[in-house]
Amino acid sequence: MSVDEKTVRRIAHLARIAVTDAEVPHLQGELNAILSFVEQLNEVDVEGVEPMTSVTPMIMKKREDGVTDGGYAEKIVQNAPATEDNFFLVPKVIE
């Protein structure tokens, strides 16, 4: 796959990058080099290879995902000027 000048300008427009006419050939070469490298990666046989989270083998730390109320509502509202049943009381601002 090859990128032409029109595609370079389109990518620059979508990325909201100002590109001058002098920069287009350089960017075209850069994008073509990137795509060439990606094509090389597609040739690698990855059949049976497990996805990795790191370059070194490790086990992801996991915890039980549970919803709690925190258990300390009193501490949260203790410095509030006005509270009721562990909720903040605020003055009404809209009539």
PDB file of N, CA and C in Angstrom:
ATOM      1  N   MET A   1       0.846  -1.179   0.000  1.00  0.00           N
ATOM      2  CA  MET A   1       0.000   0.000   0.000  1.00  0.00           C
ATOM      3  C   MET A   1       0.887   1.236   0.000  1.00  0.00           C
ATOM      4  N   SER A   2       0.481   2.224  -0.760  1.00  0.00           N
ATOM      5  CA  SER A   2       1.262   3.450  -0.873  1.00  0.00           C
ATOM      6  C   SER A   2       0.353   4.649  -0.640  1.00  0.00           C
ATOM      7  N   VAL A   3       0.921   5.672  -0.007  1.00  0.00           N
ATOM      8  CA  VAL A   3       0.178   6.890   0.290  1.00  0.00           C
ATOM      9  C   VAL A   3       0.564   7.955  -0.726  1.00  0.00           C
ATOM     10  N   ASP A   4      -0.424   8.616  -1.334  1.00  0.00           N
ATOM     11  CA  ASP A   4      -0.137   9.683  -2.277  1.00  0.00           C
ATOM     12  C   ASP A   4      -0.299  11.045  -1.583  1.00  0.00           C
ATOM     13  N   GLU A   5      -0.020  12.123  -2.324  1.00  0.00           N
ATOM     14  CA  GLU A   5      -0.082  13.471  -1.744  1.00  0.00           C
ATOM     15  C   GLU A   5      -1.483  13.818  -1.265  1.00  0.00           C
ATOM     16  N   LYS A   6      -2.483  13.401  -2.013  1.00  0.00           N
ATOM     17  CA  LYS A   6      -3.861  13.690  -1.635  1.00  0.00           C
ATOM     18  C   LYS A   6      -4.192  13.041  -0.286  1.00  0.00           C
ATOM     19  N   THR A   7      -3.735  11.811  -0.084  1.00  0.00           N
ATOM     20  CA  THR A   7      -3.985  11.107   1.174  1.00  0.00           C
ATOM     21  C   THR A   7      -3.250  11.778   2.325  1.00  0.00           C
ATOM     22  N   VAL A   8      -2.029  12.237   2.084  1.00  0.00           N
ATOM     23  CA  VAL A   8      -1.274  12.946   3.125  1.00  0.00           C
ATOM     24  C   VAL A   8      -2.032  14.198   3.566  1.00  0.00           C
ATOM     25  N   ARG A   9      -2.533  14.953   2.601  1.00  0.00           N
ATOM     26  CA  ARG A   9      -3.284  16.164   2.941  1.00  0.00           C
ATOM     27  C   ARG A   9      -4.578  15.820   3.690  1.00  0.00           C
ATOM     28  N   ARG A  10      -5.219  14.737   3.295  1.00  0.00           N
ATOM     29  CA  ARG A  10      -6.460  14.309   3.971  1.00  0.00           C
ATOM     30  C   ARG A  10      -6.175  13.905   5.421  1.00  0.00           C
ATOM     31  N   ILE A  11      -5.105  13.151   5.632  1.00  0.00           N
ATOM     32  CA  ILE A  11      -4.725  12.749   6.990  1.00  0.00           C
ATOM     33  C   ILE A  11      -4.392  13.972   7.827  1.00  0.00           C
ATOM     34  N   ALA A  12      -3.657  14.909   7.264  1.00  0.00           N
ATOM     35  CA  ALA A  12      -3.312  16.131   7.981  1.00  0.00           C
ATOM     36  C   ALA A  12      -4.565  16.919   8.346  1.00  0.00           C
ATOM     37  N   HIS A  13      -5.508  16.981   7.430  1.00  0.00           N
ATOM     38  CA  HIS A  13      -6.765  17.682   7.697  1.00  0.00           C
ATOM     39  C   HIS A  13      -7.525  17.009   8.837  1.00  0.00           C
ATOM     40  N   LEU A  14      -7.636  15.683   8.793  1.00  0.00           N
ATOM     41  CA  LEU A  14      -8.356  14.954   9.836  1.00  0.00           C
ATOM     42  C   LEU A  14      -7.675  15.085  11.194  1.00  0.00           C
ATOM     43  N   ALA A  15      -6.332  15.183  11.183  1.00  0.00           N
ATOM     44  CA  ALA A  15      -5.577  15.324  12.430  1.00  0.00           C
ATOM     45  C   ALA A  15      -5.459  16.780  12.867  1.00  0.00           C
ATOM     46  N   ARG A  16      -6.039  17.677  12.084  1.00  0.00           N
ATOM     47  CA  ARG A  16      -5.987  19.116  12.372  1.00  0.00           C
ATOM     48  C   ARG A  16      -4.542  19.614  12.479  1.00  0.00           C
ATOM     49  N   ILE A  17      -3.713  19.163  11.510  1.00  0.00           N
ATOM     50  CA  ILE A  17      -2.311  19.561  11.452  1.00  0.00           C
ATOM     51  C   ILE A  17      -2.106  20.410  10.205  1.00  0.00           C
ATOM     52  N   ALA A  18      -1.502  21.572  10.381  1.00  0.00           N
ATOM     53  CA  ALA A  18      -1.201  22.436   9.235  1.00  0.00           C
ATOM     54  C   ALA A  18       0.044  21.892   8.537  1.00  0.00           C
ATOM     55  N   VAL A  19      -0.087  21.585   7.254  1.00  0.00           N
ATOM     56  CA  VAL A  19       1.014  21.032   6.472  1.00  0.00           C
ATOM     57  C   VAL A  19       1.237  21.918   5.258  1.00  0.00           C
ATOM     58  N   THR A  20       2.476  22.357   5.091  1.00  0.00           N
ATOM     59  CA  THR A  20       2.805  23.179   3.925  1.00  0.00           C
ATOM     60  C   THR A  20       3.090  22.264   2.732  1.00  0.00           C
ATOM     61  N   ASP A  21       3.106  22.864   1.542  1.00  0.00           N
ATOM     62  CA  ASP A  21       3.391  22.095   0.328  1.00  0.00           C
ATOM     63  C   ASP A  21       4.780  21.465   0.378  1.00  0.00           C
ATOM     64  N   ALA A  22       5.732  22.135   1.028  1.00  0.00           N
ATOM     65  CA  ALA A  22       7.096  21.618   1.113  1.00  0.00           C
ATOM     66  C   ALA A  22       7.180  20.406   2.045  1.00  0.00           C
ATOM     67  N   GLU A  23       6.272  20.288   3.007  1.00  0.00           N
ATOM     68  CA  GLU A  23       6.310  19.190   3.973  1.00  0.00           C
ATOM     69  C   GLU A  23       5.635  17.915   3.462  1.00  0.00           C
ATOM     70  N   VAL A  24       4.792  18.051   2.457  1.00  0.00           N
ATOM     71  CA  VAL A  24       4.014  16.907   1.976  1.00  0.00           C
ATOM     72  C   VAL A  24       4.899  15.749   1.500  1.00  0.00           C
ATOM     73  N   PRO A  25       5.922  15.978   0.656  1.00  0.00           N
ATOM     74  CA  PRO A  25       6.745  14.836   0.209  1.00  0.00           C
ATOM     75  C   PRO A  25       7.440  14.113   1.365  1.00  0.00           C
ATOM     76  N   HIS A  26       7.932  14.873   2.354  1.00  0.00           N
ATOM     77  CA  HIS A  26       8.585  14.248   3.510  1.00  0.00           C
ATOM     78  C   HIS A  26       7.589  13.395   4.296  1.00  0.00           C
ATOM     79  N   LEU A  27       6.407  13.933   4.555  1.00  0.00           N
ATOM     80  CA  LEU A  27       5.391  13.179   5.287  1.00  0.00           C
ATOM     81  C   LEU A  27       4.920  11.965   4.497  1.00  0.00           C
ATOM     82  N   GLN A  28       4.868  12.091   3.193  1.00  0.00           N
ATOM     83  CA  GLN A  28       4.480  10.964   2.339  1.00  0.00           C
ATOM     84  C   GLN A  28       5.479   9.824   2.508  1.00  0.00           C
ATOM     85  N   GLY A  29       6.762  10.161   2.518  1.00  0.00           N
ATOM     86  CA  GLY A  29       7.797   9.145   2.720  1.00  0.00           C
ATOM     87  C   GLY A  29       7.698   8.503   4.095  1.00  0.00           C
ATOM     88  N   GLU A  30       7.447   9.326   5.124  1.00  0.00           N
ATOM     89  CA  GLU A  30       7.317   8.807   6.490  1.00  0.00           C
ATOM     90  C   GLU A  30       6.136   7.846   6.599  1.00  0.00           C
ATOM     91  N   LEU A  31       5.001   8.238   6.068  1.00  0.00           N
ATOM     92  CA  LEU A  31       3.810   7.390   6.146  1.00  0.00           C
ATOM     93  C   LEU A  31       4.001   6.092   5.362  1.00  0.00           C
ATOM     94  N   ASN A  32       4.629   6.175   4.208  1.00  0.00           N
ATOM     95  CA  ASN A  32       4.890   4.963   3.431  1.00  0.00           C
ATOM     96  C   ASN A  32       5.848   4.024   4.168  1.00  0.00           C
ATOM     97  N   ALA A  33       6.832   4.576   4.887  1.00  0.00           N
ATOM     98  CA  ALA A  33       7.751   3.745   5.667  1.00  0.00           C
ATOM     99  C   ALA A  33       7.013   3.051   6.809  1.00  0.00           C
ATOM    100  N   ILE A  34       6.107   3.754   7.453  1.00  0.00           N
ATOM    101  CA  ILE A  34       5.312   3.166   8.540  1.00  0.00           C
ATOM    102  C   ILE A  34       4.447   2.034   8.004  1.00  0.00           C
ATOM    103  N   LEU A  35       3.778   2.274   6.901  1.00  0.00           N
ATOM    104  CA  LEU A  35       2.922   1.242   6.321  1.00  0.00           C
ATOM    105  C   LEU A  35       3.730   0.032   5.847  1.00  0.00           C
ATOM    106  N   SER A  36       4.920   0.271   5.358  1.00  0.00           N
ATOM    107  CA  SER A  36       5.792  -0.829   4.940  1.00  0.00           C
ATOM    108  C   SER A  36       6.163  -1.693   6.139  1.00  0.00           C
ATOM    109  N   PHE A  37       6.452  -1.051   7.269  1.00  0.00           N
ATOM    110  CA  PHE A  37       6.784  -1.793   8.478  1.00  0.00           C
ATOM    111  C   PHE A  37       5.589  -2.608   8.964  1.00  0.00           C
ATOM    112  N   VAL A  38       4.398  -2.035   8.904  1.00  0.00           N
ATOM    113  CA  VAL A  38       3.193  -2.753   9.316  1.00  0.00           C
ATOM    114  C   VAL A  38       2.964  -3.963   8.420  1.00  0.00           C
ATOM    115  N   GLU A  39       3.222  -3.820   7.127  1.00  0.00           N
ATOM    116  CA  GLU A  39       3.084  -4.951   6.208  1.00  0.00           C
ATOM    117  C   GLU A  39       4.065  -6.066   6.572  1.00  0.00           C
ATOM    118  N   GLN A  40       5.277  -5.701   7.015  1.00  0.00           N
ATOM    119  CA  GLN A  40       6.241  -6.705   7.463  1.00  0.00           C
ATOM    120  C   GLN A  40       5.716  -7.431   8.700  1.00  0.00           C
ATOM    121  N   LEU A  41       5.085  -6.710   9.610  1.00  0.00           N
ATOM    122  CA  LEU A  41       4.541  -7.334  10.817  1.00  0.00           C
ATOM    123  C   LEU A  41       3.432  -8.320  10.482  1.00  0.00           C
ATOM    124  N   ASN A  42       2.668  -8.038   9.441  1.00  0.00           N
ATOM    125  CA  ASN A  42       1.593  -8.944   9.039  1.00  0.00           C
ATOM    126  C   ASN A  42       2.119 -10.288   8.546  1.00  0.00           C
ATOM    127  N   GLU A  43       3.390 -10.360   8.158  1.00  0.00           N
ATOM    128  CA  GLU A  43       3.973 -11.602   7.673  1.00  0.00           C
ATOM    129  C   GLU A  43       4.369 -12.544   8.808  1.00  0.00           C
ATOM    130  N   VAL A  44       4.414 -12.054  10.039  1.00  0.00           N
ATOM    131  CA  VAL A  44       4.827 -12.868  11.180  1.00  0.00           C
ATOM    132  C   VAL A  44       3.706 -13.829  11.559  1.00  0.00           C
ATOM    133  N   ASP A  45       4.062 -15.091  11.760  1.00  0.00           N
ATOM    134  CA  ASP A  45       3.083 -16.105  12.153  1.00  0.00           C
ATOM    135  C   ASP A  45       2.881 -16.031  13.666  1.00  0.00           C
ATOM    136  N   VAL A  46       1.700 -15.629  14.096  1.00  0.00           N
ATOM    137  CA  VAL A  46       1.393 -15.508  15.520  1.00  0.00           C
ATOM    138  C   VAL A  46       0.345 -16.533  15.954  1.00  0.00           C
ATOM    139  N   GLU A  47       0.176 -17.564  15.159  1.00  0.00           N
ATOM    140  CA  GLU A  47      -0.792 -18.613  15.484  1.00  0.00           C
ATOM    141  C   GLU A  47      -0.388 -19.297  16.787  1.00  0.00           C
ATOM    142  N   GLY A  48      -1.292 -19.324  17.751  1.00  0.00           N
ATOM    143  CA  GLY A  48      -1.037 -19.989  19.025  1.00  0.00           C
ATOM    144  C   GLY A  48      -0.265 -19.152  20.028  1.00  0.00           C
ATOM    145  N   VAL A  49       0.040 -17.910  19.712  1.00  0.00           N
ATOM    146  CA  VAL A  49       0.771 -17.045  20.633  1.00  0.00           C
ATOM    147  C   VAL A  49      -0.238 -16.300  21.496  1.00  0.00           C
ATOM    148  N   GLU A  50      -0.078 -16.427  22.817  1.00  0.00           N
ATOM    149  CA  GLU A  50      -0.986 -15.763  23.748  1.00  0.00           C
ATOM    150  C   GLU A  50      -0.689 -14.270  23.807  1.00  0.00           C
ATOM    151  N   PRO A  51      -1.708 -13.426  23.921  1.00  0.00           N
ATOM    152  CA  PRO A  51      -1.472 -11.989  24.099  1.00  0.00           C
ATOM    153  C   PRO A  51      -0.719 -11.724  25.400  1.00  0.00           C
ATOM    154  N   MET A  52       0.104 -10.690  25.400  1.00  0.00           N
ATOM    155  CA  MET A  52       0.918 -10.379  26.575  1.00  0.00           C
ATOM    156  C   MET A  52       0.521  -9.035  27.163  1.00  0.00           C
ATOM    157  N   THR A  53       0.670  -8.913  28.464  1.00  0.00           N
ATOM    158  CA  THR A  53       0.446  -7.632  29.122  1.00  0.00           C
ATOM    159  C   THR A  53       1.767  -6.907  29.342  1.00  0.00           C
ATOM    160  N   SER A  54       2.878  -7.623  29.203  1.00  0.00           N
ATOM    161  CA  SER A  54       4.191  -7.050  29.435  1.00  0.00           C
ATOM    162  C   SER A  54       5.221  -7.884  28.673  1.00  0.00           C
ATOM    163  N   VAL A  55       6.414  -7.353  28.516  1.00  0.00           N
ATOM    164  CA  VAL A  55       7.452  -8.119  27.844  1.00  0.00           C
ATOM    165  C   VAL A  55       8.035  -9.180  28.764  1.00  0.00           C
ATOM    166  N   THR A  56       7.816  -9.052  30.059  1.00  0.00           N
ATOM    167  CA  THR A  56       8.228 -10.079  31.006  1.00  0.00           C
ATOM    168  C   THR A  56       6.992 -10.820  31.482  1.00  0.00           C
ATOM    169  N   PRO A  57       7.091 -12.129  31.662  1.00  0.00           N
ATOM    170  CA  PRO A  57       5.914 -12.883  32.111  1.00  0.00           C
ATOM    171  C   PRO A  57       5.467 -12.433  33.497  1.00  0.00           C
ATOM    172  N   MET A  58       4.194 -12.158  33.630  1.00  0.00           N
ATOM    173  CA  MET A  58       3.656 -11.767  34.930  1.00  0.00           C
ATOM    174  C   MET A  58       2.169 -12.055  34.956  1.00  0.00           C
ATOM    175  N   ILE A  59       1.642 -12.104  36.148  1.00  0.00           N
ATOM    176  CA  ILE A  59       0.218 -12.322  36.332  1.00  0.00           C
ATOM    177  C   ILE A  59      -0.400 -10.998  36.758  1.00  0.00           C
ATOM    178  N   MET A  60      -1.490 -10.636  36.100  1.00  0.00           N
ATOM    179  CA  MET A  60      -2.165  -9.389  36.440  1.00  0.00           C
ATOM    180  C   MET A  60      -2.758  -9.477  37.833  1.00  0.00           C
ATOM    181  N   LYS A  61      -2.588  -8.411  38.614  1.00  0.00           N
ATOM    182  CA  LYS A  61      -3.199  -8.353  39.928  1.00  0.00           C
ATOM    183  C   LYS A  61      -4.679  -8.056  39.744  1.00  0.00           C
ATOM    184  N   LYS A  62      -5.489  -8.869  40.375  1.00  0.00           N
ATOM    185  CA  LYS A  62      -6.928  -8.702  40.238  1.00  0.00           C
ATOM    186  C   LYS A  62      -7.544  -8.615  41.617  1.00  0.00           C
ATOM    187  N   ARG A  63      -8.638  -7.912  41.709  1.00  0.00           N
ATOM    188  CA  ARG A  63      -9.370  -7.828  42.960  1.00  0.00           C
ATOM    189  C   ARG A  63     -10.842  -8.009  42.662  1.00  0.00           C
ATOM    190  N   GLU A  64     -11.567  -8.375  43.665  1.00  0.00           N
ATOM    191  CA  GLU A  64     -13.003  -8.516  43.546  1.00  0.00           C
ATOM    192  C   GLU A  64     -13.606  -7.138  43.314  1.00  0.00           C
ATOM    193  N   ASP A  65     -14.441  -7.006  42.321  1.00  0.00           N
ATOM    194  CA  ASP A  65     -15.081  -5.736  42.019  1.00  0.00           C
ATOM    195  C   ASP A  65     -16.432  -5.710  42.709  1.00  0.00           C
ATOM    196  N   GLY A  66     -16.506  -4.955  43.799  1.00  0.00           N
ATOM    197  CA  GLY A  66     -17.748  -4.875  44.544  1.00  0.00           C
ATOM    198  C   GLY A  66     -18.086  -3.445  44.887  1.00  0.00           C
ATOM    199  N   VAL A  67     -19.353  -3.131  44.882  1.00  0.00           N
ATOM    200  CA  VAL A  67     -19.814  -1.780  45.203  1.00  0.00           C
ATOM    201  C   VAL A  67     -20.117  -1.715  46.692  1.00  0.00           C
ATOM    202  N   THR A  68     -19.547  -0.715  47.351  1.00  0.00           N
ATOM    203  CA  THR A  68     -19.824  -0.498  48.772  1.00  0.00           C
ATOM    204  C   THR A  68     -20.141   0.971  48.982  1.00  0.00           C
ATOM    205  N   ASP A  69     -20.672   1.274  50.146  1.00  0.00           N
ATOM    206  CA  ASP A  69     -20.953   2.672  50.466  1.00  0.00           C
ATOM    207  C   ASP A  69     -19.746   3.345  51.103  1.00  0.00           C
ATOM    208  N   GLY A  70     -18.670   2.632  51.276  1.00  0.00           N
ATOM    209  CA  GLY A  70     -17.472   3.186  51.881  1.00  0.00           C
ATOM    210  C   GLY A  70     -17.440   2.973  53.378  1.00  0.00           C
ATOM    211  N   GLY A  71     -18.604   2.977  54.005  1.00  0.00           N
ATOM    212  CA  GLY A  71     -18.684   2.692  55.428  1.00  0.00           C
ATOM    213  C   GLY A  71     -18.296   3.832  56.346  1.00  0.00           C
ATOM    214  N   TYR A  72     -18.064   5.030  55.810  1.00  0.00           N
ATOM    215  CA  TYR A  72     -17.679   6.123  56.694  1.00  0.00           C
ATOM    216  C   TYR A  72     -18.321   7.440  56.254  1.00  0.00           C
ATOM    217  N   ALA A  73     -19.625   7.391  56.039  1.00  0.00           N
ATOM    218  CA  ALA A  73     -20.354   8.592  55.629  1.00  0.00           C
ATOM    219  C   ALA A  73     -20.270   9.688  56.686  1.00  0.00           C
ATOM    220  N   GLU A  74     -20.255   9.299  57.958  1.00  0.00           N
ATOM    221  CA  GLU A  74     -20.182  10.304  59.026  1.00  0.00           C
ATOM    222  C   GLU A  74     -18.908  11.135  58.917  1.00  0.00           C
ATOM    223  N   LYS A  75     -17.800  10.489  58.612  1.00  0.00           N
ATOM    224  CA  LYS A  75     -16.529  11.211  58.491  1.00  0.00           C
ATOM    225  C   LYS A  75     -16.553  12.171  57.294  1.00  0.00           C
ATOM    226  N   ILE A  76     -17.228  11.772  56.233  1.00  0.00           N
ATOM    227  CA  ILE A  76     -17.255  12.595  55.024  1.00  0.00           C
ATOM    228  C   ILE A  76     -17.996  13.897  55.270  1.00  0.00           C
ATOM    229  N   VAL A  77     -19.108  13.848  55.984  1.00  0.00           N
ATOM    230  CA  VAL A  77     -19.936  15.047  56.166  1.00  0.00           C
ATOM    231  C   VAL A  77     -19.654  15.781  57.473  1.00  0.00           C
ATOM    232  N   GLN A  78     -18.676  15.341  58.269  1.00  0.00           N
ATOM    233  CA  GLN A  78     -18.467  15.941  59.588  1.00  0.00           C
ATOM    234  C   GLN A  78     -18.052  17.413  59.546  1.00  0.00           C
ATOM    235  N   ASN A  79     -17.412  17.882  58.480  1.00  0.00           N
ATOM    236  CA  ASN A  79     -16.999  19.285  58.388  1.00  0.00           C
ATOM    237  C   ASN A  79     -17.970  20.140  57.591  1.00  0.00           C
ATOM    238  N   ALA A  80     -19.051  19.553  57.131  1.00  0.00           N
ATOM    239  CA  ALA A  80     -20.032  20.316  56.357  1.00  0.00           C
ATOM    240  C   ALA A  80     -20.799  21.252  57.276  1.00  0.00           C
ATOM    241  N   PRO A  81     -21.163  22.437  56.795  1.00  0.00           N
ATOM    242  CA  PRO A  81     -21.911  23.376  57.642  1.00  0.00           C
ATOM    243  C   PRO A  81     -23.300  22.869  58.015  1.00  0.00           C
ATOM    244  N   ALA A  82     -23.920  22.084  57.114  1.00  0.00           N
ATOM    245  CA  ALA A  82     -25.261  21.555  57.411  1.00  0.00           C
ATOM    246  C   ALA A  82     -25.404  20.181  56.765  1.00  0.00           C
ATOM    247  N   THR A  83     -25.892  19.218  57.581  1.00  0.00           N
ATOM    248  CA  THR A  83     -26.115  17.867  57.078  1.00  0.00           C
ATOM    249  C   THR A  83     -27.424  17.320  57.636  1.00  0.00           C
ATOM    250  N   GLU A  84     -27.916  16.289  56.967  1.00  0.00           N
ATOM    251  CA  GLU A  84     -29.096  15.584  57.443  1.00  0.00           C
ATOM    252  C   GLU A  84     -29.021  14.149  56.948  1.00  0.00           C
ATOM    253  N   ASP A  85     -29.060  13.195  57.865  1.00  0.00           N
ATOM    254  CA  ASP A  85     -28.967  11.770  57.533  1.00  0.00           C
ATOM    255  C   ASP A  85     -27.768  11.466  56.635  1.00  0.00           C
ATOM    256  N   ASN A  86     -26.621  12.027  56.992  1.00  0.00           N
ATOM    257  CA  ASN A  86     -25.358  11.840  56.254  1.00  0.00           C
ATOM    258  C   ASN A  86     -25.397  12.353  54.814  1.00  0.00           C
ATOM    259  N   PHE A  87     -26.227  13.344  54.549  1.00  0.00           N
ATOM    260  CA  PHE A  87     -26.254  14.033  53.262  1.00  0.00           C
ATOM    261  C   PHE A  87     -25.905  15.497  53.489  1.00  0.00           C
ATOM    262  N   PHE A  88     -25.273  16.128  52.498  1.00  0.00           N
ATOM    263  CA  PHE A  88     -24.984  17.552  52.569  1.00  0.00           C
ATOM    264  C   PHE A  88     -26.272  18.330  52.346  1.00  0.00           C
ATOM    265  N   LEU A  89     -26.494  19.360  53.131  1.00  0.00           N
ATOM    266  CA  LEU A  89     -27.612  20.277  52.903  1.00  0.00           C
ATOM    267  C   LEU A  89     -27.066  21.534  52.266  1.00  0.00           C
ATOM    268  N   VAL A  90     -27.669  21.939  51.158  1.00  0.00           N
ATOM    269  CA  VAL A  90     -27.221  23.140  50.454  1.00  0.00           C
ATOM    270  C   VAL A  90     -28.398  24.080  50.283  1.00  0.00           C
ATOM    271  N   PRO A  91     -28.116  25.379  50.252  1.00  0.00           N
ATOM    272  CA  PRO A  91     -29.226  26.326  50.083  1.00  0.00           C
ATOM    273  C   PRO A  91     -29.821  26.230  48.672  1.00  0.00           C
ATOM    274  N   LYS A  92     -31.092  26.467  48.588  1.00  0.00           N
ATOM    275  CA  LYS A  92     -31.792  26.457  47.303  1.00  0.00           C
ATOM    276  C   LYS A  92     -31.381  27.708  46.521  1.00  0.00           C
ATOM    277  N   VAL A  93     -30.967  27.522  45.274  1.00  0.00           N
ATOM    278  CA  VAL A  93     -30.505  28.649  44.474  1.00  0.00           C
ATOM    279  C   VAL A  93     -31.407  28.912  43.274  1.00  0.00           C
ATOM    280  N   ILE A  94     -32.315  27.993  42.966  1.00  0.00           N
ATOM    281  CA  ILE A  94     -33.223  28.163  41.832  1.00  0.00           C
ATOM    282  C   ILE A  94     -34.644  28.238  42.367  1.00  0.00           C
ATOM    283  N   GLU A  95     -35.357  29.244  41.927  1.00  0.00           N
ATOM    284  CA  GLU A  95     -36.744  29.416  42.373  1.00  0.00           C
ATOM    285  C   GLU A  95     -37.688  28.633  41.522  1.00  0.00           C
TER     286      GLU A  95
END
